[in-house]
Amino acid sequence: MRSRLPELLVARPLRVSVSSFLHMAAISSVLLFSGCASSKPVLSGSTVPDSVVEASKREFVAASLKSAKGDYREAVERYRKLLHDQPSNAAIHYALSKAWVALGVPDSARLYSEKSVLLNPRNKYYTAFLAFLSHQMHDYGRAAELYRQLAVLDPGSTEPLTSLALEYLAVDQPEKSLAVFQEILARDPKNEDALVQMLFVEIKLTHYQEAIATVKELIGQSDSKEKLHLTLGELYLQTRQYGLASRTFRELLKSNPGSVSAWLALFEVSVQSANHTAFLEDLNRFYNTNNVNLQKKIELAKLFLVRASRESSFVDPAFVMIGEMNRRHPGNGQIYALRGMARLQKRDVAAAVIDYRKALLLEPGSIEILEELVALHLMRKEYRQAGEILYKAKKRFPVLTFRLQVQEGELLFQTGKIKKAALLLEKVLLTKGAQKEKALYLQASGTLAFCYDTLGFTDKSILLYKSILEREPDNLLMMNNLAYILAVAGRELPRAKELALKVVEAEPANAGYHDTLGWVLFRLEEYERAREILEKAVGLDPLEAEIADHLSQVYEKLGNLDKALELKKKAARLKAR
């Protein structure tokens, strides 16, 4: 089942920046202190004289002015002096906390903020600031607790409840979050923000029927109907209510026949409901409409291809979609390239090459088509054809793309021009921004490691394999190659064994991986275990000369010279083929 839904459903946290919070709270500090001071706070059981109270008020105002002017260090010192005489004054703790926030010392800020709330738990400003601080410090549980207190202190506002719901989401408690949004809507049924947030949570919890009711409520209130109708249709699709989904998307297309999102969703309905007739009828309508230009139709087909790469039920419909577009626009190279991609999904590589060649004839300046065609020829080991295309690309483009340079390095390696390949790939890997294209960078690194290995640069090869595995620790091919080269070099054999075992466990039907493990065990002098593994490798690939040669050496160590000789002869025959 799919979980993709429109952008509308992204949660929108209601947060205030630190600077804004400090600015809003600055004026209240003086007023709060004034309220505290005028009540003549009791220190050590005695009433503070009016003159002392007035002096404290003046000092507090002076400290607050320092803070307002940005002199937070001086403000902190003044607040501390005040606290020395009035340690139970919540307003001073509150003001000191804000000054520490401004200085970027959250731990101290949190300490004094907690104290202010402890001293005066019914002050909503103190509680709100501590909740804000707790959130900033990723203590979402404490923040949630405080927002719940704040909701009690300020029953006329739904904002604390909204923040509480979002805190529950932050600690992955969506059920509690949903309950809070329901509480908000019980107070304010027309609160659109709360409805949107509740919809997000309902979908997260896969409460699709409740989500459908929420979307309908939003449609009745909101002006932005299109995204909501798309969401409603997607929810019907999720719950396999195909008729309602189809009707929703068709109604949307009546009001906006150019909505590519609605067309795409409509095609998804017919594919998922296996309604081939509806798919063809809708496809014909889509291609006949003038409300969607050709480029957007091509983009929609690309999206369908991406979907087909994840779900096999979309492969044939995608091929039909692109084939019909190709029939209507036979002179468009982009569409031939798309059909080539579709043929690849159907594993028809030979036909894909033909389509890409037609695409290149129609779009000779397309780098993307060039790259794909070279990749296909390399995949099919058609090195001459790959070389011809690269030669033409060099004549047309002064500087090849990163991908074409990597492909050229691969071609040089595969055609035995190892030194040239190594020199080119060393240069390519130093290209500015090369590491940003991770897959290509790792491909180039792997080919260069092969080059070093072939040229006998064992140290360089080992270092490069290790570097690749640091970036991509689950790359089985690189793990296998590192294990093998370590075995050949007689280095780090326990590490080589660990790598080889992981690789064989991940791909137990791969003869080459079994061969590596067998050879590592041979170098560790675990001959009987090596024999078992290499016998499996021979069973998986009886025509590989190297495996037969390795197994012959194992039998030689085990003293079975007749079997060793038999396998050596077999290896020689296989090599001579």
Protein backbone atom coordinates (compact mmCIF):
# COMPACT_ATOMS: atom_id res chain seq x y z
CA MET A 1 0.00 0.00 0.00
CA ARG A 2 1.14 3.53 -0.72
CA SER A 3 1.64 6.30 1.78
CA ARG A 4 2.26 9.26 -0.55
CA LEU A 5 -0.03 12.21 0.12
CA PRO A 6 -0.04 15.85 -1.07
CA GLU A 7 2.08 18.62 0.44
CA LEU A 8 -0.89 19.98 2.36
CA LEU A 9 -0.35 17.44 5.11
CA VAL A 10 3.04 18.63 6.34
CA ALA A 11 2.79 19.58 10.01
CA ARG A 12 3.30 23.27 10.67
CA PRO A 13 4.76 23.82 14.15
CA LEU A 14 3.67 27.00 15.86
CA ARG A 15 7.01 28.18 17.23
CA VAL A 16 8.47 31.52 18.26
CA SER A 17 12.14 32.39 17.75
CA VAL A 18 14.39 33.02 20.76
CA SER A 19 14.87 36.70 19.87
CA SER A 20 11.13 37.25 19.39
CA PHE A 21 10.34 35.53 22.67
CA LEU A 22 12.88 37.64 24.53
CA HIS A 23 11.54 40.82 22.96
CA MET A 24 7.94 39.99 23.85
CA ALA A 25 8.93 39.11 27.40
CA ALA A 26 11.16 42.14 28.05
CA ILE A 27 8.39 44.56 29.02
CA SER A 28 6.57 42.00 31.14
CA SER A 29 9.66 41.45 33.32
CA VAL A 30 9.53 44.93 34.82
CA LEU A 31 5.77 44.74 35.33
CA LEU A 32 6.03 41.33 36.96
CA PHE A 33 8.80 42.48 39.27
CA SER A 34 6.81 45.57 40.09
CA GLY A 35 3.91 43.39 41.12
CA CYS A 36 6.16 41.24 43.27
CA ALA A 37 7.98 44.17 44.85
CA SER A 38 4.86 46.16 45.71
CA SER A 39 3.64 43.27 47.78
CA LYS A 40 6.66 43.85 50.05
CA PRO A 41 8.24 40.33 49.94
CA VAL A 42 9.12 38.85 53.30
CA LEU A 43 12.79 37.96 53.91
CA SER A 44 13.72 35.95 57.02
CA GLY A 45 10.32 36.59 58.56
CA SER A 46 10.54 40.40 58.50
CA THR A 47 8.91 42.95 56.23
CA VAL A 48 11.29 44.75 53.86
CA PRO A 49 11.19 48.53 54.43
CA ASP A 50 9.68 50.64 51.64
CA SER A 51 13.05 52.29 50.91
CA VAL A 52 14.67 48.89 50.32
CA VAL A 53 11.77 47.84 48.10
CA GLU A 54 12.07 51.03 46.05
CA ALA A 55 15.83 50.57 45.75
CA SER A 56 15.31 47.00 44.56
CA LYS A 57 12.77 48.18 42.01
CA ARG A 58 15.17 50.80 40.70
CA GLU A 59 18.01 48.24 40.49
CA PHE A 60 15.73 45.79 38.69
CA VAL A 61 14.68 48.44 36.18
CA ALA A 62 18.33 49.34 35.62
CA ALA A 63 19.22 45.68 35.03
CA SER A 64 16.30 45.29 32.64
CA LEU A 65 17.41 48.37 30.68
CA LYS A 66 20.89 46.88 30.38
CA SER A 67 19.30 43.72 29.02
CA ALA A 68 17.12 45.69 26.60
CA LYS A 69 20.23 47.47 25.26
CA GLY A 70 22.00 44.14 24.71
CA ASP A 71 24.42 44.42 27.63
CA TYR A 72 23.47 41.00 28.93
CA ARG A 73 26.63 40.38 30.95
CA GLU A 74 26.04 43.50 33.02
CA ALA A 75 22.35 42.59 33.35
CA VAL A 76 23.27 39.14 34.65
CA GLU A 77 25.57 40.63 37.30
CA ARG A 78 22.88 43.05 38.47
CA TYR A 79 20.19 40.33 38.60
CA ARG A 80 22.53 38.11 40.62
CA LYS A 81 23.09 40.86 43.18
CA LEU A 82 19.34 41.25 43.48
CA LEU A 83 18.90 37.51 43.98
CA HIS A 84 21.43 37.59 46.81
CA ASP A 85 18.97 39.68 48.82
CA GLN A 86 15.74 38.24 47.36
CA PRO A 87 16.39 34.55 46.51
CA SER A 88 12.66 33.78 46.43
CA ASN A 89 11.72 36.49 43.94
CA ALA A 90 10.39 34.62 40.88
CA ALA A 91 10.54 37.70 38.63
CA ILE A 92 14.31 38.03 39.09
CA HIS A 93 14.85 34.35 38.28
CA TYR A 94 12.70 34.82 35.19
CA ALA A 95 14.61 37.90 34.02
CA LEU A 96 17.97 36.24 34.70
CA SER A 97 16.89 33.22 32.68
CA LYS A 98 16.14 35.42 29.66
CA ALA A 99 19.51 37.13 29.94
CA TRP A 100 21.27 33.76 29.92
CA VAL A 101 19.31 32.76 26.82
CA ALA A 102 20.50 35.92 25.09
CA LEU A 103 24.08 35.02 26.02
CA GLY A 104 23.62 31.53 24.56
CA VAL A 105 23.95 29.66 27.86
CA PRO A 106 20.85 27.43 27.82
CA ASP A 107 21.74 25.32 30.87
CA SER A 108 21.91 28.36 33.15
CA ALA A 109 18.79 29.78 31.52
CA ARG A 110 16.92 26.54 32.20
CA LEU A 111 18.07 26.48 35.84
CA TYR A 112 16.68 29.95 36.62
CA SER A 113 13.56 29.41 34.52
CA GLU A 114 12.73 26.23 36.44
CA LYS A 115 13.19 28.19 39.68
CA SER A 116 10.81 30.95 38.55
CA VAL A 117 8.08 28.39 37.83
CA LEU A 118 8.73 26.59 41.11
CA LEU A 119 8.34 29.87 43.01
CA ASN A 120 5.27 31.00 41.07
CA PRO A 121 3.64 28.03 39.27
CA ARG A 122 0.52 30.01 38.37
CA ASN A 123 2.33 32.62 36.29
CA LYS A 124 1.63 31.80 32.65
CA TYR A 125 4.57 33.89 31.35
CA TYR A 126 7.06 31.96 33.45
CA THR A 127 5.51 28.65 32.43
CA ALA A 128 5.41 29.59 28.74
CA PHE A 129 9.07 30.62 28.76
CA LEU A 130 10.18 27.41 30.47
CA ALA A 131 8.13 25.36 27.99
CA PHE A 132 9.78 27.25 25.14
CA LEU A 133 13.24 26.64 26.64
CA SER A 134 12.54 22.95 27.21
CA HIS A 135 11.54 22.55 23.59
CA GLN A 136 14.65 24.37 22.39
CA MET A 137 16.75 21.97 24.48
CA HIS A 138 14.87 18.97 23.01
CA ASP A 139 13.33 18.03 26.34
CA TYR A 140 9.97 17.45 24.69
CA GLY A 141 8.52 15.51 27.58
CA ARG A 142 9.04 18.42 29.99
CA ALA A 143 7.77 20.86 27.38
CA ALA A 144 4.59 18.81 26.97
CA GLU A 145 4.05 18.79 30.74
CA LEU A 146 4.43 22.58 30.87
CA TYR A 147 2.13 23.24 27.91
CA ARG A 148 -0.54 21.17 29.64
CA GLN A 149 -0.11 23.37 32.76
CA LEU A 150 -0.23 26.46 30.55
CA ALA A 151 -3.51 25.30 29.00
CA VAL A 152 -4.99 25.23 32.51
CA LEU A 153 -3.54 28.67 33.34
CA ASP A 154 -4.83 30.18 30.09
CA PRO A 155 -8.10 28.38 29.30
CA GLY A 156 -9.20 31.05 26.84
CA SER A 157 -6.38 30.25 24.39
CA THR A 158 -5.92 27.14 22.25
CA GLU A 159 -2.28 27.99 21.48
CA PRO A 160 -0.83 26.07 24.48
CA LEU A 161 -2.85 23.02 23.43
CA THR A 162 -1.52 23.29 19.88
CA SER A 163 2.02 23.41 21.22
CA LEU A 164 1.25 20.46 23.50
CA ALA A 165 0.00 18.40 20.56
CA LEU A 166 3.15 19.17 18.60
CA GLU A 167 5.34 18.18 21.56
CA TYR A 168 3.59 14.81 21.63
CA LEU A 169 4.41 14.43 17.95
CA ALA A 170 8.04 15.31 18.69
CA VAL A 171 8.27 12.40 21.17
CA ASP A 172 6.41 10.09 18.75
CA GLN A 173 3.18 9.89 20.72
CA PRO A 174 0.69 10.55 17.91
CA GLU A 175 -2.29 9.09 19.79
CA LYS A 176 -1.87 11.68 22.55
CA SER A 177 -1.37 14.38 19.94
CA LEU A 178 -4.59 13.39 18.20
CA ALA A 179 -6.50 13.55 21.49
CA VAL A 180 -5.24 17.10 22.09
CA PHE A 181 -6.25 18.26 18.59
CA GLN A 182 -9.69 16.79 19.23
CA GLU A 183 -9.79 18.78 22.48
CA ILE A 184 -8.92 21.96 20.55
CA LEU A 185 -11.67 21.32 18.00
CA ALA A 186 -14.19 20.66 20.76
CA ARG A 187 -13.50 24.24 21.91
CA ASP A 188 -13.16 25.73 18.42
CA PRO A 189 -14.76 23.53 15.71
CA LYS A 190 -13.77 25.96 12.94
CA ASN A 191 -10.06 26.00 13.79
CA GLU A 192 -8.63 25.23 10.34
CA ASP A 193 -5.03 24.89 11.53
CA ALA A 194 -6.07 22.31 14.11
CA LEU A 195 -8.05 20.41 11.47
CA VAL A 196 -5.03 20.29 9.15
CA GLN A 197 -2.77 19.11 11.97
CA MET A 198 -5.31 16.52 13.06
CA LEU A 199 -5.54 15.25 9.48
CA PHE A 200 -1.77 14.82 9.43
CA VAL A 201 -1.87 12.78 12.64
CA GLU A 202 -4.83 10.67 11.50
CA ILE A 203 -2.95 9.72 8.34
CA LYS A 204 0.21 9.00 10.36
CA LEU A 205 -1.86 6.62 12.49
CA THR A 206 -3.54 5.17 9.35
CA HIS A 207 -6.95 6.25 10.69
CA TYR A 208 -8.07 6.73 7.12
CA GLN A 209 -11.84 6.79 7.64
CA GLU A 210 -11.48 9.50 10.29
CA ALA A 211 -9.09 11.33 7.96
CA ILE A 212 -11.69 11.24 5.18
CA ALA A 213 -14.22 12.91 7.50
CA THR A 214 -11.63 15.54 8.46
CA VAL A 215 -10.81 16.33 4.82
CA LYS A 216 -14.50 16.76 4.03
CA GLU A 217 -14.77 19.18 6.96
CA LEU A 218 -11.78 21.14 5.63
CA ILE A 219 -13.23 21.24 2.12
CA GLY A 220 -16.31 22.89 3.58
CA GLN A 221 -14.19 25.58 5.27
CA SER A 222 -11.16 26.15 3.05
CA ASP A 223 -10.63 28.13 -0.13
CA SER A 224 -7.76 25.90 -1.37
CA LYS A 225 -10.01 23.09 -2.59
CA GLU A 226 -7.74 21.38 -5.17
CA LYS A 227 -5.14 20.00 -2.76
CA LEU A 228 -7.87 18.90 -0.39
CA HIS A 229 -9.73 17.06 -3.15
CA LEU A 230 -6.46 15.37 -4.15
CA THR A 231 -5.99 14.33 -0.53
CA LEU A 232 -9.55 13.01 -0.34
CA GLY A 233 -9.06 10.99 -3.51
CA GLU A 234 -5.77 9.59 -2.22
CA LEU A 235 -7.48 8.52 1.00
CA TYR A 236 -10.21 6.76 -0.98
CA LEU A 237 -7.42 5.05 -2.93
CA GLN A 238 -5.69 4.00 0.31
CA THR A 239 -8.93 2.42 1.53
CA ARG A 240 -9.57 0.77 -1.87
CA GLN A 241 -12.72 2.76 -2.46
CA TYR A 242 -11.85 2.95 -6.14
CA GLY A 243 -15.21 4.25 -7.35
CA LEU A 244 -15.15 7.19 -4.94
CA ALA A 245 -11.49 7.87 -5.72
CA SER A 246 -12.17 7.91 -9.47
CA ARG A 247 -15.20 10.18 -9.06
CA THR A 248 -13.22 12.60 -6.87
CA PHE A 249 -10.36 12.93 -9.38
CA ARG A 250 -12.76 13.25 -12.34
CA GLU A 251 -14.66 16.06 -10.62
CA LEU A 252 -11.35 17.79 -9.99
CA LEU A 253 -10.42 17.46 -13.67
CA LYS A 254 -13.74 19.02 -14.68
CA SER A 255 -12.81 22.18 -12.80
CA ASN A 256 -9.11 22.00 -13.72
CA PRO A 257 -8.47 19.79 -16.79
CA GLY A 258 -4.79 20.78 -16.73
CA SER A 259 -4.07 19.29 -13.29
CA VAL A 260 -1.26 16.80 -13.93
CA SER A 261 -1.52 15.59 -10.31
CA ALA A 262 -5.19 14.69 -10.83
CA TRP A 263 -4.45 12.88 -14.10
CA LEU A 264 -1.64 10.90 -12.47
CA ALA A 265 -3.88 9.95 -9.55
CA LEU A 266 -6.66 8.89 -11.93
CA PHE A 267 -4.27 6.57 -13.77
CA GLU A 268 -3.18 5.12 -10.43
CA VAL A 269 -6.81 4.29 -9.62
CA SER A 270 -7.29 2.29 -12.83
CA VAL A 271 -3.97 0.46 -12.38
CA GLN A 272 -4.61 -0.44 -8.74
CA SER A 273 -8.17 -1.52 -9.48
CA ALA A 274 -6.92 -3.50 -12.54
CA ASN A 275 -9.40 -1.64 -14.77
CA HIS A 276 -7.50 -1.78 -18.07
CA THR A 277 -10.41 -0.39 -20.09
CA ALA A 278 -10.69 2.71 -17.90
CA PHE A 279 -6.92 3.18 -18.08
CA LEU A 280 -6.94 3.21 -21.91
CA GLU A 281 -9.97 5.53 -22.07
CA ASP A 282 -8.43 7.98 -19.61
CA LEU A 283 -5.08 7.78 -21.41
CA ASN A 284 -6.77 8.68 -24.70
CA ARG A 285 -8.52 11.65 -23.07
CA PHE A 286 -5.25 12.78 -21.50
CA TYR A 287 -3.32 12.73 -24.77
CA ASN A 288 -6.19 14.47 -26.60
CA THR A 289 -6.45 17.36 -24.15
CA ASN A 290 -4.84 20.68 -25.03
CA ASN A 291 -4.84 21.72 -21.37
CA VAL A 292 -1.61 19.80 -20.72
CA ASN A 293 1.39 20.48 -22.95
CA LEU A 294 3.64 17.74 -24.33
CA GLN A 295 6.48 18.39 -21.87
CA LYS A 296 4.13 17.92 -18.91
CA LYS A 297 2.81 14.72 -20.49
CA ILE A 298 6.39 13.48 -20.74
CA GLU A 299 7.02 14.41 -17.10
CA LEU A 300 3.92 12.48 -16.03
CA ALA A 301 5.15 9.43 -17.94
CA LYS A 302 8.50 9.73 -16.12
CA LEU A 303 6.68 9.73 -12.78
CA PHE A 304 4.81 6.63 -13.87
CA LEU A 305 8.11 4.96 -14.76
CA VAL A 306 9.48 5.75 -11.29
CA ARG A 307 6.37 4.16 -9.81
CA ALA A 308 6.89 1.13 -12.06
CA SER A 309 10.42 0.72 -10.69
CA ARG A 310 8.87 0.16 -7.25
CA GLU A 311 5.68 -1.71 -8.13
CA SER A 312 5.58 -4.35 -10.84
CA SER A 313 1.86 -3.77 -11.49
CA PHE A 314 2.78 -0.42 -13.06
CA VAL A 315 5.39 -1.79 -15.52
CA ASP A 316 3.01 -2.78 -18.34
CA PRO A 317 0.75 0.30 -18.01
CA ALA A 318 3.84 2.54 -18.10
CA PHE A 319 5.00 0.83 -21.28
CA VAL A 320 1.54 1.29 -22.85
CA MET A 321 1.48 4.95 -21.78
CA ILE A 322 4.87 5.69 -23.35
CA GLY A 323 4.18 3.59 -26.43
CA GLU A 324 1.01 5.53 -27.19
CA MET A 325 2.82 8.84 -26.73
CA ASN A 326 5.57 7.60 -29.04
CA ARG A 327 2.96 6.70 -31.67
CA ARG A 328 1.53 10.22 -31.52
CA HIS A 329 4.94 11.96 -31.51
CA PRO A 330 7.35 9.76 -33.53
CA GLY A 331 9.88 12.55 -33.99
CA ASN A 332 10.50 13.24 -30.29
CA GLY A 333 13.82 11.93 -28.94
CA GLN A 334 12.82 12.33 -25.28
CA ILE A 335 9.96 9.89 -25.79
CA TYR A 336 12.23 7.31 -27.45
CA ALA A 337 14.56 7.62 -24.44
CA LEU A 338 11.59 7.11 -22.13
CA ARG A 339 10.58 4.02 -24.07
CA GLY A 340 14.14 2.78 -23.72
CA MET A 341 13.83 3.15 -19.94
CA ALA A 342 10.51 1.29 -20.04
CA ARG A 343 12.10 -1.54 -22.05
CA LEU A 344 14.86 -1.79 -19.44
CA GLN A 345 12.21 -2.28 -16.76
CA LYS A 346 10.91 -5.16 -18.86
CA ARG A 347 14.53 -6.46 -19.07
CA ASP A 348 14.62 -6.06 -22.85
CA VAL A 349 18.10 -4.51 -23.01
CA ALA A 350 18.64 -5.05 -26.75
CA ALA A 351 15.43 -3.19 -27.62
CA ALA A 352 16.33 -0.46 -25.11
CA VAL A 353 19.62 0.12 -26.97
CA ILE A 354 17.71 0.53 -30.25
CA ASP A 355 15.37 3.11 -28.67
CA TYR A 356 18.24 5.07 -27.14
CA ARG A 357 20.05 5.11 -30.48
CA LYS A 358 16.93 6.55 -32.14
CA ALA A 359 16.67 9.07 -29.31
CA LEU A 360 20.27 10.16 -29.88
CA LEU A 361 19.68 10.62 -33.61
CA LEU A 362 16.75 12.91 -32.83
CA GLU A 363 18.45 14.66 -29.87
CA PRO A 364 22.20 14.61 -30.71
CA GLY A 365 22.94 17.30 -28.14
CA SER A 366 21.38 15.43 -25.20
CA ILE A 367 24.06 14.56 -22.63
CA GLU A 368 21.58 12.42 -20.66
CA ILE A 369 20.82 10.20 -23.66
CA LEU A 370 24.55 9.89 -24.42
CA GLU A 371 25.26 8.81 -20.86
CA GLU A 372 22.48 6.22 -20.82
CA LEU A 373 23.53 4.76 -24.17
CA VAL A 374 27.17 4.41 -23.10
CA ALA A 375 26.00 2.75 -19.86
CA LEU A 376 23.89 0.26 -21.83
CA HIS A 377 26.76 -0.68 -24.15
CA LEU A 378 29.07 -1.15 -21.14
CA MET A 379 26.42 -3.32 -19.49
CA ARG A 380 26.28 -5.50 -22.63
CA LYS A 381 30.11 -5.52 -22.90
CA GLU A 382 29.82 -3.81 -26.29
CA TYR A 383 33.02 -1.86 -25.77
CA ARG A 384 33.55 -0.82 -29.39
CA GLN A 385 30.11 0.81 -29.58
CA ALA A 386 30.61 2.50 -26.19
CA GLY A 387 33.97 3.84 -27.41
CA GLU A 388 32.45 5.22 -30.62
CA ILE A 389 29.83 7.17 -28.70
CA LEU A 390 32.41 8.52 -26.25
CA TYR A 391 34.61 9.59 -29.19
CA LYS A 392 31.69 11.51 -30.74
CA ALA A 393 30.86 13.04 -27.36
CA LYS A 394 34.44 14.32 -27.01
CA LYS A 395 34.23 15.97 -30.43
CA ARG A 396 30.89 17.62 -29.61
CA PHE A 397 31.57 18.63 -25.99
CA PRO A 398 34.94 20.16 -24.97
CA VAL A 399 34.56 18.87 -21.40
CA LEU A 400 32.82 15.58 -20.68
CA THR A 401 30.39 15.32 -17.78
CA PHE A 402 31.53 13.59 -14.62
CA ARG A 403 29.46 10.53 -15.50
CA LEU A 404 30.93 10.24 -19.02
CA GLN A 405 34.46 10.53 -17.60
CA VAL A 406 33.72 7.74 -15.13
CA GLN A 407 32.31 5.66 -17.98
CA GLU A 408 35.44 6.33 -20.06
CA GLY A 409 37.56 5.09 -17.15
CA GLU A 410 35.43 1.95 -16.96
CA LEU A 411 35.81 1.41 -20.72
CA LEU A 412 39.60 1.77 -20.57
CA PHE A 413 39.76 -0.73 -17.71
CA GLN A 414 37.51 -3.26 -19.45
CA THR A 415 39.55 -3.04 -22.67
CA GLY A 416 42.84 -3.69 -20.88
CA LYS A 417 44.18 -0.12 -20.88
CA ILE A 418 44.73 -0.27 -17.14
CA LYS A 419 47.35 2.48 -16.72
CA LYS A 420 45.33 4.94 -18.81
CA ALA A 421 42.22 4.05 -16.81
CA ALA A 422 44.04 4.62 -13.50
CA LEU A 423 45.47 7.98 -14.60
CA LEU A 424 42.08 9.18 -15.84
CA LEU A 425 40.16 8.03 -12.76
CA GLU A 426 42.70 9.54 -10.37
CA LYS A 427 42.10 12.87 -12.11
CA VAL A 428 38.33 12.40 -12.22
CA LEU A 429 38.11 11.68 -8.48
CA LEU A 430 39.88 14.97 -7.74
CA THR A 431 37.30 16.93 -9.74
CA LYS A 432 35.63 19.68 -7.72
CA GLY A 433 32.29 18.46 -6.38
CA ALA A 434 32.96 14.83 -7.38
CA GLN A 435 32.10 13.48 -3.92
CA LYS A 436 28.64 15.05 -4.08
CA GLU A 437 27.64 12.47 -6.71
CA LYS A 438 28.02 9.57 -4.31
CA ALA A 439 27.05 6.65 -6.56
CA LEU A 440 29.30 7.74 -9.43
CA TYR A 441 32.13 8.63 -7.05
CA LEU A 442 32.00 5.16 -5.51
CA GLN A 443 31.79 3.55 -8.94
CA ALA A 444 34.90 5.43 -10.08
CA SER A 445 36.70 4.57 -6.82
CA GLY A 446 35.86 0.90 -7.23
CA THR A 447 37.16 0.82 -10.80
CA LEU A 448 40.35 2.61 -9.72
CA ALA A 449 40.83 0.05 -6.95
CA PHE A 450 40.53 -2.71 -9.59
CA CYS A 451 43.18 -0.88 -11.62
CA TYR A 452 45.56 -0.66 -8.66
CA ASP A 453 44.98 -4.34 -7.91
CA THR A 454 45.72 -5.35 -11.52
CA LEU A 455 48.81 -3.14 -11.64
CA GLY A 456 50.14 -4.68 -8.44
CA PHE A 457 49.69 -1.56 -6.29
CA THR A 458 48.38 -3.61 -3.39
CA ASP A 459 48.74 -0.93 -0.70
CA LYS A 460 46.88 1.65 -2.79
CA SER A 461 44.16 -0.84 -3.63
CA ILE A 462 43.61 -1.84 0.00
CA LEU A 463 43.46 1.79 1.14
CA LEU A 464 40.94 2.65 -1.56
CA TYR A 465 38.70 -0.33 -0.79
CA LYS A 466 38.72 0.65 2.89
CA SER A 467 37.89 4.25 1.97
CA ILE A 468 34.94 3.09 -0.13
CA LEU A 469 33.62 0.93 2.70
CA GLU A 470 33.81 3.86 5.11
CA ARG A 471 31.37 5.71 2.84
CA GLU A 472 29.27 2.67 1.94
CA PRO A 473 29.78 -0.05 4.57
CA ASP A 474 27.23 -2.45 3.04
CA ASN A 475 28.77 -2.57 -0.45
CA LEU A 476 29.11 -6.33 -0.93
CA LEU A 477 31.33 -6.16 -4.01
CA MET A 478 33.85 -3.90 -2.28
CA MET A 479 33.77 -6.09 0.85
CA ASN A 480 34.45 -9.15 -1.29
CA ASN A 481 37.28 -7.50 -3.21
CA LEU A 482 38.95 -6.22 -0.05
CA ALA A 483 38.70 -9.67 1.55
CA TYR A 484 40.23 -11.28 -1.53
CA ILE A 485 43.14 -8.86 -1.89
CA LEU A 486 43.90 -9.20 1.84
CA ALA A 487 43.91 -12.98 1.42
CA VAL A 488 46.22 -12.81 -1.60
CA ALA A 489 48.56 -10.46 0.29
CA GLY A 490 48.35 -12.55 3.47
CA ARG A 491 47.33 -9.49 5.53
CA GLU A 492 44.64 -8.93 8.16
CA LEU A 493 43.30 -12.44 7.56
CA PRO A 494 40.81 -12.39 10.49
CA ARG A 495 39.36 -9.16 9.05
CA ALA A 496 39.28 -10.75 5.58
CA LYS A 497 37.40 -13.76 6.99
CA GLU A 498 34.87 -11.51 8.72
CA LEU A 499 34.19 -9.62 5.47
CA ALA A 500 33.96 -12.77 3.35
CA LEU A 501 31.53 -14.44 5.76
CA LYS A 502 29.24 -11.37 5.68
CA VAL A 503 29.25 -11.32 1.90
CA VAL A 504 28.45 -15.04 1.53
CA GLU A 505 25.68 -14.74 4.11
CA ALA A 506 24.16 -11.84 2.15
CA GLU A 507 24.41 -13.59 -1.25
CA PRO A 508 24.64 -17.36 -0.72
CA ALA A 509 24.16 -18.13 -4.44
CA ASN A 510 27.19 -16.13 -5.62
CA ALA A 511 30.04 -18.43 -6.70
CA GLY A 512 32.65 -15.66 -6.71
CA TYR A 513 31.88 -14.73 -3.10
CA HIS A 514 32.21 -18.39 -2.05
CA ASP A 515 35.54 -18.53 -3.87
CA THR A 516 36.81 -15.53 -1.89
CA LEU A 517 35.76 -17.08 1.42
CA GLY A 518 37.34 -20.38 0.45
CA TRP A 519 40.62 -18.68 -0.45
CA VAL A 520 40.65 -16.70 2.82
CA LEU A 521 40.16 -19.97 4.73
CA PHE A 522 42.97 -21.54 2.69
CA ARG A 523 45.33 -18.72 3.71
CA LEU A 524 44.25 -19.27 7.33
CA GLU A 525 45.18 -22.96 6.90
CA GLU A 526 41.58 -24.04 7.59
CA TYR A 527 41.85 -26.52 4.71
CA GLU A 528 38.85 -28.77 5.36
CA ARG A 529 36.49 -25.81 5.74
CA ALA A 530 38.06 -24.21 2.65
CA ARG A 531 37.37 -27.42 0.70
CA GLU A 532 33.66 -27.38 1.69
CA ILE A 533 33.22 -23.76 0.64
CA LEU A 534 35.11 -24.12 -2.66
CA GLU A 535 33.17 -27.27 -3.55
CA LYS A 536 30.01 -25.15 -3.17
CA ALA A 537 31.58 -22.50 -5.39
CA VAL A 538 32.35 -25.09 -8.10
CA GLY A 539 28.76 -26.32 -7.87
CA LEU A 540 27.47 -22.78 -8.37
CA ASP A 541 29.82 -22.06 -11.29
CA PRO A 542 31.52 -25.18 -12.72
CA LEU A 543 33.03 -23.23 -15.65
CA GLU A 544 35.14 -20.77 -13.64
CA ALA A 545 38.83 -21.67 -13.99
CA GLU A 546 40.03 -19.74 -10.94
CA ILE A 547 37.68 -21.59 -8.59
CA ALA A 548 38.90 -24.95 -9.92
CA ASP A 549 42.50 -23.82 -9.48
CA HIS A 550 41.90 -22.73 -5.88
CA LEU A 551 40.20 -26.03 -5.06
CA SER A 552 43.10 -27.98 -6.57
CA GLN A 553 45.50 -26.22 -4.20
CA VAL A 554 43.27 -27.08 -1.23
CA TYR A 555 43.25 -30.80 -2.18
CA GLU A 556 47.02 -30.65 -2.52
CA LYS A 557 47.30 -29.39 1.08
CA LEU A 558 44.90 -32.13 2.21
CA GLY A 559 47.15 -34.75 0.59
CA ASN A 560 44.68 -35.80 -2.13
CA LEU A 561 47.12 -35.37 -5.02
CA ASP A 562 45.00 -37.24 -7.61
CA LYS A 563 42.05 -34.90 -7.03
CA ALA A 564 44.39 -31.91 -7.05
CA LEU A 565 45.83 -32.94 -10.43
CA GLU A 566 42.37 -33.55 -11.88
CA LEU A 567 41.26 -30.04 -10.88
CA LYS A 568 44.46 -28.45 -12.20
CA LYS A 569 43.83 -30.03 -15.60
CA LYS A 570 40.22 -28.83 -15.50
CA ALA A 571 41.37 -25.29 -14.67
CA ALA A 572 43.84 -25.37 -17.58
CA ARG A 573 41.09 -26.51 -19.99
CA LEU A 574 38.76 -23.76 -18.80
CA LYS A 575 41.46 -21.10 -19.17
CA ALA A 576 42.24 -22.31 -22.71
CA ARG A 577 38.63 -22.02 -23.89
